[in-house]
Amino acid sequence: MLKLKRVSEMYEMRVYTDGGEYFGDVEELVLTKTKVSMWRIKATKNSFLSNVLGGAKGVLVPHNLVKSIGDIVIISRSAIPNFGGEKEEAEA
């Protein structure tokens, strides 16, 4: 059975990656005429996103990277910003 959620219920929901890391909280949804196109995730204290971004406030995540919505939101790990850190670690 398909369960529907109101957009207003999505604000401040906790967001996790499919790898289990706490990513941040939903700050805003970007809507087109009939669907959600992007999610603005804010970097909250002690989140994986705040560790990666440093001083930035958050990121926009395309809706196609959202895997599941329930009590929490689960997004694909590919939504994690890559600043070249993995490449540098592989070379070291």
PDB file of N, CA and C in Angstrom:
ATOM      1  N   MET A   1       0.838  -1.178   0.000  1.00  0.00           N
ATOM      2  CA  MET A   1       0.000   0.000   0.000  1.00  0.00           C
ATOM      3  C   MET A   1       0.890   1.252   0.000  1.00  0.00           C
ATOM      4  N   LEU A   2       0.546   2.205  -0.815  1.00  0.00           N
ATOM      5  CA  LEU A   2       1.284   3.449  -0.916  1.00  0.00           C
ATOM      6  C   LEU A   2       0.849   4.395   0.194  1.00  0.00           C
ATOM      7  N   LYS A   3       1.823   4.912   0.926  1.00  0.00           N
ATOM      8  CA  LYS A   3       1.528   5.887   1.971  1.00  0.00           C
ATOM      9  C   LYS A   3       1.953   7.257   1.500  1.00  0.00           C
ATOM     10  N   LEU A   4       1.128   8.247   1.715  1.00  0.00           N
ATOM     11  CA  LEU A   4       1.427   9.614   1.315  1.00  0.00           C
ATOM     12  C   LEU A   4       1.827  10.438   2.518  1.00  0.00           C
ATOM     13  N   LYS A   5       2.718  11.397   2.299  1.00  0.00           N
ATOM     14  CA  LYS A   5       3.119  12.334   3.349  1.00  0.00           C
ATOM     15  C   LYS A   5       2.898  13.740   2.840  1.00  0.00           C
ATOM     16  N   ARG A   6       2.545  14.616   3.729  1.00  0.00           N
ATOM     17  CA  ARG A   6       2.433  16.033   3.391  1.00  0.00           C
ATOM     18  C   ARG A   6       3.826  16.636   3.373  1.00  0.00           C
ATOM     19  N   VAL A   7       4.007  17.637   2.516  1.00  0.00           N
ATOM     20  CA  VAL A   7       5.300  18.316   2.445  1.00  0.00           C
ATOM     21  C   VAL A   7       5.657  18.901   3.805  1.00  0.00           C
ATOM     22  N   SER A   8       4.672  19.428   4.510  1.00  0.00           N
ATOM     23  CA  SER A   8       4.943  20.041   5.816  1.00  0.00           C
ATOM     24  C   SER A   8       5.475  19.030   6.831  1.00  0.00           C
ATOM     25  N   GLU A   9       5.214  17.743   6.639  1.00  0.00           N
ATOM     26  CA  GLU A   9       5.722  16.709   7.541  1.00  0.00           C
ATOM     27  C   GLU A   9       7.197  16.410   7.293  1.00  0.00           C
ATOM     28  N   MET A  10       7.729  16.848   6.161  1.00  0.00           N
ATOM     29  CA  MET A  10       9.094  16.521   5.775  1.00  0.00           C
ATOM     30  C   MET A  10      10.142  17.424   6.427  1.00  0.00           C
ATOM     31  N   TYR A  11       9.751  18.637   6.795  1.00  0.00           N
ATOM     32  CA  TYR A  11      10.715  19.572   7.361  1.00  0.00           C
ATOM     33  C   TYR A  11      11.291  19.051   8.664  1.00  0.00           C
ATOM     34  N   GLU A  12      12.580  19.245   8.829  1.00  0.00           N
ATOM     35  CA  GLU A  12      13.342  18.830  10.013  1.00  0.00           C
ATOM     36  C   GLU A  12      13.484  17.309  10.146  1.00  0.00           C
ATOM     37  N   MET A  13      13.083  16.534   9.126  1.00  0.00           N
ATOM     38  CA  MET A  13      13.295  15.084   9.180  1.00  0.00           C
ATOM     39  C   MET A  13      14.788  14.798   9.106  1.00  0.00           C
ATOM     40  N   ARG A  14      15.215  13.780   9.814  1.00  0.00           N
ATOM     41  CA  ARG A  14      16.622  13.382   9.788  1.00  0.00           C
ATOM     42  C   ARG A  14      16.892  12.610   8.498  1.00  0.00           C
ATOM     43  N   VAL A  15      18.066  12.864   7.916  1.00  0.00           N
ATOM     44  CA  VAL A  15      18.453  12.240   6.653  1.00  0.00           C
ATOM     45  C   VAL A  15      19.690  11.377   6.904  1.00  0.00           C
ATOM     46  N   TYR A  16      19.635  10.133   6.428  1.00  0.00           N
ATOM     47  CA  TYR A  16      20.738   9.191   6.546  1.00  0.00           C
ATOM     48  C   TYR A  16      21.117   8.690   5.156  1.00  0.00           C
ATOM     49  N   THR A  17      22.392   8.320   4.991  1.00  0.00           N
ATOM     50  CA  THR A  17      22.805   7.693   3.732  1.00  0.00           C
ATOM     51  C   THR A  17      22.449   6.219   3.796  1.00  0.00           C
ATOM     52  N   ASP A  18      22.468   5.561   2.652  1.00  0.00           N
ATOM     53  CA  ASP A  18      22.188   4.131   2.635  1.00  0.00           C
ATOM     54  C   ASP A  18      23.307   3.332   3.289  1.00  0.00           C
ATOM     55  N   GLY A  19      24.412   4.006   3.624  1.00  0.00           N
ATOM     56  CA  GLY A  19      25.493   3.373   4.379  1.00  0.00           C
ATOM     57  C   GLY A  19      25.345   3.532   5.879  1.00  0.00           C
ATOM     58  N   GLY A  20      24.308   4.258   6.324  1.00  0.00           N
ATOM     59  CA  GLY A  20      24.018   4.405   7.744  1.00  0.00           C
ATOM     60  C   GLY A  20      24.546   5.664   8.400  1.00  0.00           C
ATOM     61  N   GLU A  21      25.216   6.558   7.643  1.00  0.00           N
ATOM     62  CA  GLU A  21      25.733   7.788   8.232  1.00  0.00           C
ATOM     63  C   GLU A  21      24.628   8.826   8.363  1.00  0.00           C
ATOM     64  N   TYR A  22      24.595   9.522   9.504  1.00  0.00           N
ATOM     65  CA  TYR A  22      23.668  10.639   9.681  1.00  0.00           C
ATOM     66  C   TYR A  22      24.149  11.769   8.791  1.00  0.00           C
ATOM     67  N   PHE A  23      23.326  12.208   7.832  1.00  0.00           N
ATOM     68  CA  PHE A  23      23.721  13.160   6.797  1.00  0.00           C
ATOM     69  C   PHE A  23      23.363  14.595   7.155  1.00  0.00           C
ATOM     70  N   GLY A  24      22.196  14.810   7.750  1.00  0.00           N
ATOM     71  CA  GLY A  24      21.723  16.152   8.094  1.00  0.00           C
ATOM     72  C   GLY A  24      20.215  16.144   8.269  1.00  0.00           C
ATOM     73  N   ASP A  25      19.585  17.315   8.188  1.00  0.00           N
ATOM     74  CA  ASP A  25      18.137  17.439   8.329  1.00  0.00           C
ATOM     75  C   ASP A  25      17.552  18.124   7.106  1.00  0.00           C
ATOM     76  N   VAL A  26      16.317  17.752   6.764  1.00  0.00           N
ATOM     77  CA  VAL A  26      15.625  18.391   5.649  1.00  0.00           C
ATOM     78  C   VAL A  26      15.311  19.830   6.036  1.00  0.00           C
ATOM     79  N   GLU A  27      15.747  20.762   5.201  1.00  0.00           N
ATOM     80  CA  GLU A  27      15.477  22.173   5.437  1.00  0.00           C
ATOM     81  C   GLU A  27      14.367  22.671   4.520  1.00  0.00           C
ATOM     82  N   GLU A  28      14.347  22.173   3.287  1.00  0.00           N
ATOM     83  CA  GLU A  28      13.403  22.683   2.306  1.00  0.00           C
ATOM     84  C   GLU A  28      13.262  21.675   1.170  1.00  0.00           C
ATOM     85  N   LEU A  29      12.097  21.707   0.502  1.00  0.00           N
ATOM     86  CA  LEU A  29      11.870  20.906  -0.690  1.00  0.00           C
ATOM     87  C   LEU A  29      11.645  21.849  -1.860  1.00  0.00           C
ATOM     88  N   VAL A  30      12.265  21.549  -2.987  1.00  0.00           N
ATOM     89  CA  VAL A  30      12.074  22.347  -4.193  1.00  0.00           C
ATOM     90  C   VAL A  30      11.063  21.602  -5.053  1.00  0.00           C
ATOM     91  N   LEU A  31       9.943  22.262  -5.340  1.00  0.00           N
ATOM     92  CA  LEU A  31       8.843  21.623  -6.055  1.00  0.00           C
ATOM     93  C   LEU A  31       8.730  22.123  -7.482  1.00  0.00           C
ATOM     94  N   THR A  32       8.358  21.199  -8.386  1.00  0.00           N
ATOM     95  CA  THR A  32       7.900  21.588  -9.713  1.00  0.00           C
ATOM     96  C   THR A  32       6.378  21.608  -9.621  1.00  0.00           C
ATOM     97  N   LYS A  33       5.700  21.624 -10.732  1.00  0.00           N
ATOM     98  CA  LYS A  33       4.234  21.685 -10.681  1.00  0.00           C
ATOM     99  C   LYS A  33       3.619  20.477  -9.976  1.00  0.00           C
ATOM    100  N   THR A  34       4.184  19.301 -10.188  1.00  0.00           N
ATOM    101  CA  THR A  34       3.537  18.098  -9.664  1.00  0.00           C
ATOM    102  C   THR A  34       4.413  17.200  -8.794  1.00  0.00           C
ATOM    103  N   LYS A  35       5.677  17.556  -8.608  1.00  0.00           N
ATOM    104  CA  LYS A  35       6.542  16.654  -7.830  1.00  0.00           C
ATOM    105  C   LYS A  35       7.701  17.402  -7.179  1.00  0.00           C
ATOM    106  N   VAL A  36       8.363  16.699  -6.271  1.00  0.00           N
ATOM    107  CA  VAL A  36       9.572  17.224  -5.625  1.00  0.00           C
ATOM    108  C   VAL A  36      10.731  17.011  -6.583  1.00  0.00           C
ATOM    109  N   SER A  37      11.514  18.055  -6.834  1.00  0.00           N
ATOM    110  CA  SER A  37      12.661  17.897  -7.731  1.00  0.00           C
ATOM    111  C   SER A  37      13.984  17.875  -6.964  1.00  0.00           C
ATOM    112  N   MET A  38      14.092  18.647  -5.884  1.00  0.00           N
ATOM    113  CA  MET A  38      15.336  18.720  -5.106  1.00  0.00           C
ATOM    114  C   MET A  38      15.003  18.789  -3.617  1.00  0.00           C
ATOM    115  N   TRP A  39      15.949  18.358  -2.807  1.00  0.00           N
ATOM    116  CA  TRP A  39      15.861  18.439  -1.356  1.00  0.00           C
ATOM    117  C   TRP A  39      17.017  19.283  -0.872  1.00  0.00           C
ATOM    118  N   ARG A  40      16.741  20.281  -0.055  1.00  0.00           N
ATOM    119  CA  ARG A  40      17.809  21.047   0.571  1.00  0.00           C
ATOM    120  C   ARG A  40      18.051  20.445   1.947  1.00  0.00           C
ATOM    121  N   ILE A  41      19.255  19.929   2.134  1.00  0.00           N
ATOM    122  CA  ILE A  41      19.624  19.284   3.390  1.00  0.00           C
ATOM    123  C   ILE A  41      20.593  20.203   4.118  1.00  0.00           C
ATOM    124  N   LYS A  42      20.266  20.551   5.354  1.00  0.00           N
ATOM    125  CA  LYS A  42      21.158  21.423   6.113  1.00  0.00           C
ATOM    126  C   LYS A  42      22.148  20.590   6.923  1.00  0.00           C
ATOM    127  N   ALA A  43      23.339  21.124   7.015  1.00  0.00           N
ATOM    128  CA  ALA A  43      24.406  20.480   7.774  1.00  0.00           C
ATOM    129  C   ALA A  43      24.203  20.811   9.243  1.00  0.00           C
ATOM    130  N   THR A  44      23.767  19.849  10.006  1.00  0.00           N
ATOM    131  CA  THR A  44      23.538  20.054  11.431  1.00  0.00           C
ATOM    132  C   THR A  44      24.766  19.598  12.220  1.00  0.00           C
ATOM    133  N   LYS A  45      24.825  20.033  13.452  1.00  0.00           N
ATOM    134  CA  LYS A  45      25.952  19.697  14.325  1.00  0.00           C
ATOM    135  C   LYS A  45      26.105  18.179  14.408  1.00  0.00           C
ATOM    136  N   ASN A  46      27.328  17.713  14.306  1.00  0.00           N
ATOM    137  CA  ASN A  46      27.698  16.300  14.406  1.00  0.00           C
ATOM    138  C   ASN A  46      27.199  15.444  13.244  1.00  0.00           C
ATOM    139  N   SER A  47      26.756  16.061  12.151  1.00  0.00           N
ATOM    140  CA  SER A  47      26.339  15.275  10.993  1.00  0.00           C
ATOM    141  C   SER A  47      27.529  15.034  10.080  1.00  0.00           C
ATOM    142  N   PHE A  48      27.423  13.999   9.276  1.00  0.00           N
ATOM    143  CA  PHE A  48      28.467  13.692   8.303  1.00  0.00           C
ATOM    144  C   PHE A  48      28.652  14.864   7.344  1.00  0.00           C
ATOM    145  N   LEU A  49      27.557  15.499   6.971  1.00  0.00           N
ATOM    146  CA  LEU A  49      27.596  16.622   6.037  1.00  0.00           C
ATOM    147  C   LEU A  49      28.373  17.804   6.609  1.00  0.00           C
ATOM    148  N   SER A  50      28.181  18.110   7.873  1.00  0.00           N
ATOM    149  CA  SER A  50      28.922  19.230   8.478  1.00  0.00           C
ATOM    150  C   SER A  50      30.410  18.932   8.543  1.00  0.00           C
ATOM    151  N   ASN A  51      30.781  17.671   8.727  1.00  0.00           N
ATOM    152  CA  ASN A  51      32.194  17.286   8.736  1.00  0.00           C
ATOM    153  C   ASN A  51      32.820  17.435   7.361  1.00  0.00           C
ATOM    154  N   VAL A  52      32.069  17.122   6.311  1.00  0.00           N
ATOM    155  CA  VAL A  52      32.577  17.189   4.944  1.00  0.00           C
ATOM    156  C   VAL A  52      32.621  18.628   4.439  1.00  0.00           C
ATOM    157  N   LEU A  53      31.573  19.413   4.738  1.00  0.00           N
ATOM    158  CA  LEU A  53      31.457  20.755   4.185  1.00  0.00           C
ATOM    159  C   LEU A  53      32.192  21.825   4.978  1.00  0.00           C
ATOM    160  N   GLY A  54      32.468  21.583   6.214  1.00  0.00           N
ATOM    161  CA  GLY A  54      33.108  22.602   7.036  1.00  0.00           C
ATOM    162  C   GLY A  54      32.151  23.729   7.349  1.00  0.00           C
ATOM    163  N   GLY A  55      32.343  24.918   6.746  1.00  0.00           N
ATOM    164  CA  GLY A  55      31.535  26.091   7.064  1.00  0.00           C
ATOM    165  C   GLY A  55      30.274  26.249   6.240  1.00  0.00           C
ATOM    166  N   ALA A  56      30.049  25.416   5.213  1.00  0.00           N
ATOM    167  CA  ALA A  56      28.859  25.549   4.370  1.00  0.00           C
ATOM    168  C   ALA A  56      27.611  25.137   5.148  1.00  0.00           C
ATOM    169  N   LYS A  57      26.477  25.664   4.739  1.00  0.00           N
ATOM    170  CA  LYS A  57      25.228  25.421   5.462  1.00  0.00           C
ATOM    171  C   LYS A  57      24.518  24.142   5.052  1.00  0.00           C
ATOM    172  N   GLY A  58      24.738  23.668   3.825  1.00  0.00           N
ATOM    173  CA  GLY A  58      24.058  22.462   3.385  1.00  0.00           C
ATOM    174  C   GLY A  58      24.257  22.217   1.904  1.00  0.00           C
ATOM    175  N   VAL A  59      23.485  21.262   1.373  1.00  0.00           N
ATOM    176  CA  VAL A  59      23.570  20.894  -0.041  1.00  0.00           C
ATOM    177  C   VAL A  59      22.177  20.667  -0.605  1.00  0.00           C
ATOM    178  N   LEU A  60      22.097  20.691  -1.937  1.00  0.00           N
ATOM    179  CA  LEU A  60      20.883  20.307  -2.638  1.00  0.00           C
ATOM    180  C   LEU A  60      21.070  18.876  -3.137  1.00  0.00           C
ATOM    181  N   VAL A  61      20.090  18.032  -2.876  1.00  0.00           N
ATOM    182  CA  VAL A  61      20.143  16.641  -3.294  1.00  0.00           C
ATOM    183  C   VAL A  61      19.010  16.408  -4.293  1.00  0.00           C
ATOM    184  N   PRO A  62      19.321  15.932  -5.504  1.00  0.00           N
ATOM    185  CA  PRO A  62      18.260  15.626  -6.469  1.00  0.00           C
ATOM    186  C   PRO A  62      17.336  14.532  -5.932  1.00  0.00           C
ATOM    187  N   HIS A  63      16.064  14.634  -6.255  1.00  0.00           N
ATOM    188  CA  HIS A  63      15.080  13.681  -5.732  1.00  0.00           C
ATOM    189  C   HIS A  63      15.376  12.251  -6.168  1.00  0.00           C
ATOM    190  N   ASN A  64      15.994  12.072  -7.328  1.00  0.00           N
ATOM    191  CA  ASN A  64      16.269  10.709  -7.779  1.00  0.00           C
ATOM    192  C   ASN A  64      17.296   9.992  -6.901  1.00  0.00           C
ATOM    193  N   LEU A  65      17.992  10.710  -6.012  1.00  0.00           N
ATOM    194  CA  LEU A  65      18.931  10.085  -5.077  1.00  0.00           C
ATOM    195  C   LEU A  65      18.282   9.731  -3.743  1.00  0.00           C
ATOM    196  N   VAL A  66      17.005  10.071  -3.578  1.00  0.00           N
ATOM    197  CA  VAL A  66      16.276   9.700  -2.366  1.00  0.00           C
ATOM    198  C   VAL A  66      15.758   8.285  -2.553  1.00  0.00           C
ATOM    199  N   LYS A  67      16.139   7.392  -1.646  1.00  0.00           N
ATOM    200  CA  LYS A  67      15.761   5.989  -1.766  1.00  0.00           C
ATOM    201  C   LYS A  67      14.489   5.636  -1.021  1.00  0.00           C
ATOM    202  N   SER A  68      14.294   6.264   0.159  1.00  0.00           N
ATOM    203  CA  SER A  68      13.152   5.896   0.984  1.00  0.00           C
ATOM    204  C   SER A  68      12.768   7.053   1.901  1.00  0.00           C
ATOM    205  N   ILE A  69      11.471   7.162   2.161  1.00  0.00           N
ATOM    206  CA  ILE A  69      10.952   8.178   3.069  1.00  0.00           C
ATOM    207  C   ILE A  69       9.991   7.487   4.028  1.00  0.00           C
ATOM    208  N   GLY A  70      10.222   7.677   5.300  1.00  0.00           N
ATOM    209  CA  GLY A  70       9.356   7.113   6.330  1.00  0.00           C
ATOM    210  C   GLY A  70       9.468   7.987   7.557  1.00  0.00           C
ATOM    211  N   ASP A  71       9.939   7.406   8.654  1.00  0.00           N
ATOM    212  CA  ASP A  71      10.234   8.192   9.852  1.00  0.00           C
ATOM    213  C   ASP A  71      11.509   9.003   9.655  1.00  0.00           C
ATOM    214  N   ILE A  72      12.370   8.516   8.767  1.00  0.00           N
ATOM    215  CA  ILE A  72      13.594   9.218   8.351  1.00  0.00           C
ATOM    216  C   ILE A  72      13.638   9.202   6.831  1.00  0.00           C
ATOM    217  N   VAL A  73      14.592   9.940   6.264  1.00  0.00           N
ATOM    218  CA  VAL A  73      14.809   9.927   4.820  1.00  0.00           C
ATOM    219  C   VAL A  73      16.130   9.225   4.572  1.00  0.00           C
ATOM    220  N   ILE A  74      16.145   8.296   3.621  1.00  0.00           N
ATOM    221  CA  ILE A  74      17.370   7.595   3.261  1.00  0.00           C
ATOM    222  C   ILE A  74      17.746   8.011   1.843  1.00  0.00           C
ATOM    223  N   ILE A  75      18.998   8.479   1.695  1.00  0.00           N
ATOM    224  CA  ILE A  75      19.478   8.902   0.389  1.00  0.00           C
ATOM    225  C   ILE A  75      20.649   8.029  -0.043  1.00  0.00           C
ATOM    226  N   SER A  76      20.924   8.031  -1.332  1.00  0.00           N
ATOM    227  CA  SER A  76      22.051   7.293  -1.880  1.00  0.00           C
ATOM    228  C   SER A  76      23.360   7.906  -1.410  1.00  0.00           C
ATOM    229  N   ARG A  77      24.331   7.071  -1.171  1.00  0.00           N
ATOM    230  CA  ARG A  77      25.648   7.539  -0.744  1.00  0.00           C
ATOM    231  C   ARG A  77      26.305   8.416  -1.816  1.00  0.00           C
ATOM    232  N   SER A  78      25.861   8.288  -3.054  1.00  0.00           N
ATOM    233  CA  SER A  78      26.436   9.099  -4.128  1.00  0.00           C
ATOM    234  C   SER A  78      26.040  10.571  -4.007  1.00  0.00           C
ATOM    235  N   ALA A  79      25.143  10.909  -3.095  1.00  0.00           N
ATOM    236  CA  ALA A  79      24.772  12.304  -2.859  1.00  0.00           C
ATOM    237  C   ALA A  79      25.817  13.036  -2.023  1.00  0.00           C
ATOM    238  N   ILE A  80      26.766  12.305  -1.447  1.00  0.00           N
ATOM    239  CA  ILE A  80      27.800  12.918  -0.616  1.00  0.00           C
ATOM    240  C   ILE A  80      28.738  13.711  -1.511  1.00  0.00           C
ATOM    241  N   PRO A  81      28.943  14.988  -1.207  1.00  0.00           N
ATOM    242  CA  PRO A  81      29.850  15.804  -2.021  1.00  0.00           C
ATOM    243  C   PRO A  81      31.255  15.220  -2.022  1.00  0.00           C
ATOM    244  N   ASN A  82      31.890  15.213  -3.186  1.00  0.00           N
ATOM    245  CA  ASN A  82      33.246  14.694  -3.319  1.00  0.00           C
ATOM    246  C   ASN A  82      34.165  15.850  -3.645  1.00  0.00           C
ATOM    247  N   PHE A  83      35.113  16.121  -2.789  1.00  0.00           N
ATOM    248  CA  PHE A  83      36.054  17.220  -2.985  1.00  0.00           C
ATOM    249  C   PHE A  83      37.438  16.712  -3.324  1.00  0.00           C
ATOM    250  N   GLY A  84      37.522  15.463  -3.842  1.00  0.00           N
ATOM    251  CA  GLY A  84      38.828  14.928  -4.218  1.00  0.00           C
ATOM    252  C   GLY A  84      39.539  14.217  -3.080  1.00  0.00           C
ATOM    253  N   GLY A  85      38.943  14.153  -1.897  1.00  0.00           N
ATOM    254  CA  GLY A  85      39.570  13.528  -0.738  1.00  0.00           C
ATOM    255  C   GLY A  85      39.842  12.056  -0.932  1.00  0.00           C
ATOM    256  N   GLU A  86      38.895  11.356  -1.605  1.00  0.00           N
ATOM    257  CA  GLU A  86      39.067   9.918  -1.821  1.00  0.00           C
ATOM    258  C   GLU A  86      40.241   9.665  -2.747  1.00  0.00           C
ATOM    259  N   LYS A  87      40.397  10.472  -3.771  1.00  0.00           N
ATOM    260  CA  LYS A  87      41.483  10.301  -4.718  1.00  0.00           C
ATOM    261  C   LYS A  87      42.819  10.534  -4.020  1.00  0.00           C
ATOM    262  N   GLU A  88      42.894  11.563  -3.185  1.00  0.00           N
ATOM    263  CA  GLU A  88      44.134  11.852  -2.467  1.00  0.00           C
ATOM    264  C   GLU A  88      44.472  10.739  -1.506  1.00  0.00           C
ATOM    265  N   GLU A  89      43.460  10.160  -0.841  1.00  0.00           N
ATOM    266  CA  GLU A  89      43.710   9.068   0.080  1.00  0.00           C
ATOM    267  C   GLU A  89      44.212   7.829  -0.663  1.00  0.00           C
ATOM    268  N   ALA A  90      43.675   7.579  -1.867  1.00  0.00           N
ATOM    269  CA  ALA A  90      44.078   6.420  -2.638  1.00  0.00           C
ATOM    270  C   ALA A  90      45.520   6.554  -3.112  1.00  0.00           C
ATOM    271  N   GLU A  91      45.959   7.795  -3.398  1.00  0.00           N
ATOM    272  CA  GLU A  91      47.322   8.017  -3.865  1.00  0.00           C
ATOM    273  C   GLU A  91      48.336   7.934  -2.728  1.00  0.00           C
ATOM    274  N   ALA A  92      47.905   8.195  -1.495  1.00  0.00           N
ATOM    275  CA  ALA A  92      48.837   8.227  -0.343  1.00  0.00           C
ATOM    276  C   ALA A  92      49.291   6.851   0.074  1.00  0.00           C
TER     277      ALA A  92
END
